[in-house]
N, C-alpha and C. Protein backbone atom coordinates (compact mmCIF):
# COMPACT_ATOMS: atom_id res chain seq x y z
N UNK A 1 25.06 -7.00 3.30
CA UNK A 1 23.94 -7.87 2.98
C UNK A 1 23.78 -7.88 1.46
N UNK A 2 23.50 -9.03 0.94
CA UNK A 2 23.24 -9.16 -0.49
C UNK A 2 21.75 -9.24 -0.69
N UNK A 3 21.29 -8.60 -1.77
CA UNK A 3 19.88 -8.64 -2.09
C UNK A 3 19.74 -8.79 -3.60
N UNK A 4 18.69 -9.45 -4.02
CA UNK A 4 18.41 -9.61 -5.44
C UNK A 4 17.20 -8.77 -5.77
N UNK A 5 17.33 -7.92 -6.78
CA UNK A 5 16.24 -7.06 -7.21
C UNK A 5 15.87 -7.39 -8.65
N UNK A 6 14.61 -7.40 -8.94
CA UNK A 6 14.15 -7.61 -10.31
C UNK A 6 13.90 -6.24 -10.91
N UNK A 7 14.82 -5.80 -11.77
CA UNK A 7 14.75 -4.47 -12.37
C UNK A 7 14.46 -4.64 -13.86
N UNK A 8 13.55 -3.85 -14.40
CA UNK A 8 13.28 -3.95 -15.84
C UNK A 8 14.57 -3.77 -16.65
N UNK A 9 14.72 -4.57 -17.70
CA UNK A 9 15.94 -4.57 -18.50
C UNK A 9 16.30 -3.19 -19.02
N UNK A 10 15.33 -2.48 -19.56
CA UNK A 10 15.61 -1.17 -20.15
C UNK A 10 16.13 -0.20 -19.08
N UNK A 11 15.56 -0.23 -17.90
CA UNK A 11 16.02 0.66 -16.83
C UNK A 11 17.43 0.28 -16.40
N UNK A 12 17.69 -1.00 -16.26
CA UNK A 12 19.03 -1.44 -15.84
C UNK A 12 20.08 -1.00 -16.86
N UNK A 13 19.76 -1.13 -18.15
CA UNK A 13 20.73 -0.71 -19.19
C UNK A 13 21.01 0.79 -19.09
N UNK A 14 19.97 1.58 -18.82
CA UNK A 14 20.16 3.04 -18.68
C UNK A 14 21.04 3.35 -17.48
N UNK A 15 20.76 2.69 -16.34
CA UNK A 15 21.55 2.91 -15.12
C UNK A 15 23.00 2.48 -15.34
N UNK A 16 23.17 1.33 -15.97
CA UNK A 16 24.52 0.81 -16.22
C UNK A 16 25.30 1.77 -17.13
N UNK A 17 24.66 2.28 -18.17
CA UNK A 17 25.34 3.20 -19.08
C UNK A 17 25.71 4.50 -18.37
N UNK A 18 24.76 5.04 -17.59
CA UNK A 18 25.03 6.31 -16.91
C UNK A 18 26.11 6.13 -15.84
N UNK A 19 26.08 5.02 -15.12
CA UNK A 19 27.10 4.80 -14.09
C UNK A 19 28.48 4.61 -14.73
N UNK A 20 28.54 3.97 -15.90
CA UNK A 20 29.82 3.80 -16.61
C UNK A 20 30.36 5.15 -17.06
N UNK A 21 29.47 6.02 -17.58
CA UNK A 21 29.91 7.36 -17.99
C UNK A 21 30.41 8.17 -16.80
N UNK A 22 29.81 7.96 -15.64
CA UNK A 22 30.22 8.69 -14.43
C UNK A 22 31.42 8.03 -13.77
N UNK A 23 31.78 6.84 -14.24
CA UNK A 23 32.92 6.14 -13.64
C UNK A 23 32.63 5.59 -12.26
N UNK A 24 31.38 5.25 -12.00
CA UNK A 24 30.98 4.73 -10.69
C UNK A 24 30.36 3.35 -10.86
N UNK A 25 30.68 2.43 -9.99
CA UNK A 25 30.03 1.11 -10.04
C UNK A 25 28.53 1.23 -9.72
N UNK A 26 27.76 0.35 -10.32
CA UNK A 26 26.31 0.35 -10.07
C UNK A 26 26.03 0.16 -8.58
N UNK A 27 26.83 -0.63 -7.91
CA UNK A 27 26.65 -0.86 -6.47
C UNK A 27 26.69 0.46 -5.71
N UNK A 28 27.67 1.33 -6.02
CA UNK A 28 27.77 2.62 -5.34
C UNK A 28 26.55 3.50 -5.62
N UNK A 29 26.10 3.47 -6.88
CA UNK A 29 24.92 4.25 -7.25
C UNK A 29 23.71 3.77 -6.46
N UNK A 30 23.53 2.45 -6.39
CA UNK A 30 22.38 1.88 -5.68
C UNK A 30 22.44 2.22 -4.19
N UNK A 31 23.62 2.11 -3.58
CA UNK A 31 23.76 2.43 -2.16
C UNK A 31 23.42 3.89 -1.91
N UNK A 32 23.89 4.77 -2.77
CA UNK A 32 23.61 6.21 -2.61
C UNK A 32 22.10 6.48 -2.72
N UNK A 33 21.46 5.88 -3.71
CA UNK A 33 20.02 6.10 -3.89
C UNK A 33 19.22 5.54 -2.71
N UNK A 34 19.57 4.33 -2.25
CA UNK A 34 18.88 3.75 -1.09
C UNK A 34 19.09 4.63 0.14
N UNK A 35 20.29 5.11 0.35
CA UNK A 35 20.59 5.95 1.51
C UNK A 35 19.79 7.25 1.48
N UNK A 36 19.76 7.90 0.31
CA UNK A 36 18.99 9.14 0.20
C UNK A 36 17.52 8.90 0.46
N UNK A 37 16.99 7.82 -0.09
CA UNK A 37 15.58 7.53 0.09
C UNK A 37 15.27 7.21 1.55
N UNK A 38 16.13 6.41 2.18
CA UNK A 38 15.90 6.00 3.57
C UNK A 38 16.02 7.17 4.54
N UNK A 39 16.82 8.18 4.19
CA UNK A 39 17.01 9.34 5.07
C UNK A 39 15.88 10.36 4.97
N UNK A 40 15.04 10.25 3.96
CA UNK A 40 13.92 11.18 3.82
C UNK A 40 12.85 10.87 4.87
N UNK A 41 12.17 11.92 5.37
CA UNK A 41 11.10 11.65 6.33
C UNK A 41 9.96 10.87 5.66
N UNK A 42 9.31 10.06 6.46
CA UNK A 42 8.20 9.26 5.94
C UNK A 42 7.00 10.16 5.73
N UNK A 43 6.46 10.11 4.53
CA UNK A 43 5.27 10.90 4.23
C UNK A 43 4.05 10.04 4.52
N UNK A 44 3.14 10.62 5.26
CA UNK A 44 1.91 9.90 5.56
C UNK A 44 1.09 9.77 4.29
N UNK A 45 0.60 8.59 4.04
CA UNK A 45 -0.24 8.37 2.87
C UNK A 45 -1.55 9.11 3.07
N UNK A 46 -2.06 9.73 2.02
CA UNK A 46 -3.34 10.43 2.16
C UNK A 46 -4.44 9.43 2.50
N UNK A 47 -5.33 9.86 3.36
CA UNK A 47 -6.43 9.00 3.77
C UNK A 47 -7.35 8.76 2.58
N UNK A 48 -7.56 7.51 2.27
CA UNK A 48 -8.43 7.16 1.16
C UNK A 48 -9.70 6.58 1.74
N UNK A 49 -10.79 7.22 1.45
CA UNK A 49 -12.06 6.73 1.96
C UNK A 49 -12.57 5.65 1.03
N UNK A 50 -12.79 4.49 1.58
CA UNK A 50 -13.26 3.37 0.76
C UNK A 50 -14.73 3.55 0.45
N UNK A 51 -15.11 3.23 -0.80
CA UNK A 51 -16.54 3.33 -1.13
C UNK A 51 -17.32 2.28 -0.35
N UNK A 52 -18.56 2.57 -0.05
CA UNK A 52 -19.35 1.59 0.70
C UNK A 52 -19.44 0.28 -0.08
N UNK A 53 -19.45 -0.83 0.63
CA UNK A 53 -19.54 -2.12 -0.02
C UNK A 53 -20.96 -2.34 -0.52
N UNK A 54 -21.08 -3.08 -1.62
CA UNK A 54 -22.40 -3.44 -2.11
C UNK A 54 -23.03 -4.40 -1.11
N UNK A 55 -24.28 -4.18 -0.79
CA UNK A 55 -24.96 -5.02 0.20
C UNK A 55 -25.20 -6.41 -0.37
N UNK A 56 -24.99 -7.43 0.44
CA UNK A 56 -25.28 -8.79 0.00
C UNK A 56 -26.77 -8.95 -0.25
N UNK A 57 -27.17 -9.76 -1.23
CA UNK A 57 -28.59 -9.90 -1.57
C UNK A 57 -29.43 -10.47 -0.43
N UNK A 58 -28.81 -11.24 0.49
CA UNK A 58 -29.57 -11.85 1.57
C UNK A 58 -29.94 -10.87 2.68
N UNK A 59 -29.53 -9.59 2.55
CA UNK A 59 -29.86 -8.62 3.58
C UNK A 59 -31.36 -8.34 3.62
N UNK A 60 -32.02 -8.37 2.50
CA UNK A 60 -33.48 -8.24 2.41
C UNK A 60 -34.11 -7.30 3.39
N UNK A 61 -34.74 -7.83 4.42
CA UNK A 61 -35.52 -7.07 5.38
C UNK A 61 -34.68 -6.06 6.15
N UNK A 62 -33.46 -6.41 6.47
CA UNK A 62 -32.63 -5.51 7.26
C UNK A 62 -31.91 -4.47 6.40
N UNK A 63 -32.25 -4.41 5.12
CA UNK A 63 -31.60 -3.48 4.20
C UNK A 63 -31.68 -2.04 4.69
N UNK A 64 -32.78 -1.66 5.32
CA UNK A 64 -32.93 -0.31 5.85
C UNK A 64 -31.83 0.02 6.84
N UNK A 65 -31.51 -0.93 7.70
CA UNK A 65 -30.48 -0.71 8.70
C UNK A 65 -29.08 -0.89 8.11
N UNK A 66 -28.93 -1.88 7.25
CA UNK A 66 -27.63 -2.19 6.68
C UNK A 66 -27.12 -1.07 5.78
N UNK A 67 -28.00 -0.35 5.13
CA UNK A 67 -27.58 0.72 4.23
C UNK A 67 -26.88 1.84 4.99
N UNK A 68 -27.11 1.95 6.29
CA UNK A 68 -26.49 3.00 7.11
C UNK A 68 -25.07 2.63 7.55
N UNK A 69 -24.66 1.40 7.31
CA UNK A 69 -23.36 0.89 7.74
C UNK A 69 -22.42 0.82 6.55
N UNK A 70 -21.15 1.18 6.78
CA UNK A 70 -20.18 1.17 5.67
C UNK A 70 -19.55 -0.21 5.46
N UNK A 71 -19.29 -0.94 6.55
CA UNK A 71 -18.61 -2.23 6.45
C UNK A 71 -19.53 -3.33 6.94
N UNK A 72 -19.51 -4.46 6.25
CA UNK A 72 -20.38 -5.58 6.60
C UNK A 72 -19.59 -6.85 6.89
N UNK A 73 -18.27 -6.71 7.09
CA UNK A 73 -17.46 -7.88 7.38
C UNK A 73 -17.67 -8.30 8.84
N UNK A 74 -17.19 -9.49 9.18
CA UNK A 74 -17.41 -10.02 10.53
C UNK A 74 -16.78 -9.18 11.62
N UNK A 75 -15.64 -8.56 11.32
CA UNK A 75 -15.01 -7.70 12.32
C UNK A 75 -15.93 -6.53 12.66
N UNK A 76 -16.52 -5.92 11.63
CA UNK A 76 -17.44 -4.79 11.86
C UNK A 76 -18.67 -5.24 12.64
N UNK A 77 -19.16 -6.43 12.33
CA UNK A 77 -20.34 -6.95 13.04
C UNK A 77 -20.01 -7.16 14.51
N UNK A 78 -18.85 -7.76 14.79
CA UNK A 78 -18.45 -7.99 16.19
C UNK A 78 -18.26 -6.67 16.94
N UNK A 79 -17.65 -5.68 16.26
CA UNK A 79 -17.46 -4.37 16.90
C UNK A 79 -18.81 -3.73 17.23
N UNK A 80 -19.76 -3.84 16.30
CA UNK A 80 -21.09 -3.27 16.52
C UNK A 80 -21.78 -3.94 17.70
N UNK A 81 -21.70 -5.26 17.76
CA UNK A 81 -22.31 -6.00 18.88
C UNK A 81 -21.68 -5.57 20.19
N UNK A 82 -20.37 -5.48 20.22
CA UNK A 82 -19.67 -5.09 21.43
C UNK A 82 -20.05 -3.69 21.89
N UNK A 83 -20.25 -2.77 20.96
CA UNK A 83 -20.63 -1.39 21.30
C UNK A 83 -22.04 -1.32 21.92
N UNK A 84 -22.91 -2.18 21.45
CA UNK A 84 -24.30 -2.07 21.89
C UNK A 84 -24.68 -3.03 23.00
N UNK A 85 -23.72 -3.77 23.52
CA UNK A 85 -23.99 -4.65 24.66
C UNK A 85 -24.13 -3.82 25.92
N UNK A 86 -25.12 -4.09 26.66
CA UNK A 86 -25.28 -3.38 27.95
C UNK A 86 -25.63 -4.33 29.05
């Protein structure tokens, strides 16, 4: 498979120079690096807790209740409605 990569010029020149000194084509170097990276186990990204969203100004009266909620998007609203339906 052919792929086109946008590599910064300075980095490409360094890789090209080092691969020439080692007597290896850049293609072989790239394949080796991709293979090593792909064979490593996937590291789980650390859980990042998102800061609470700023409340919209139209919340007004319901601000007391809204301040207790972290997300105010429509998905969160639908989930909340579904949880409290009886």
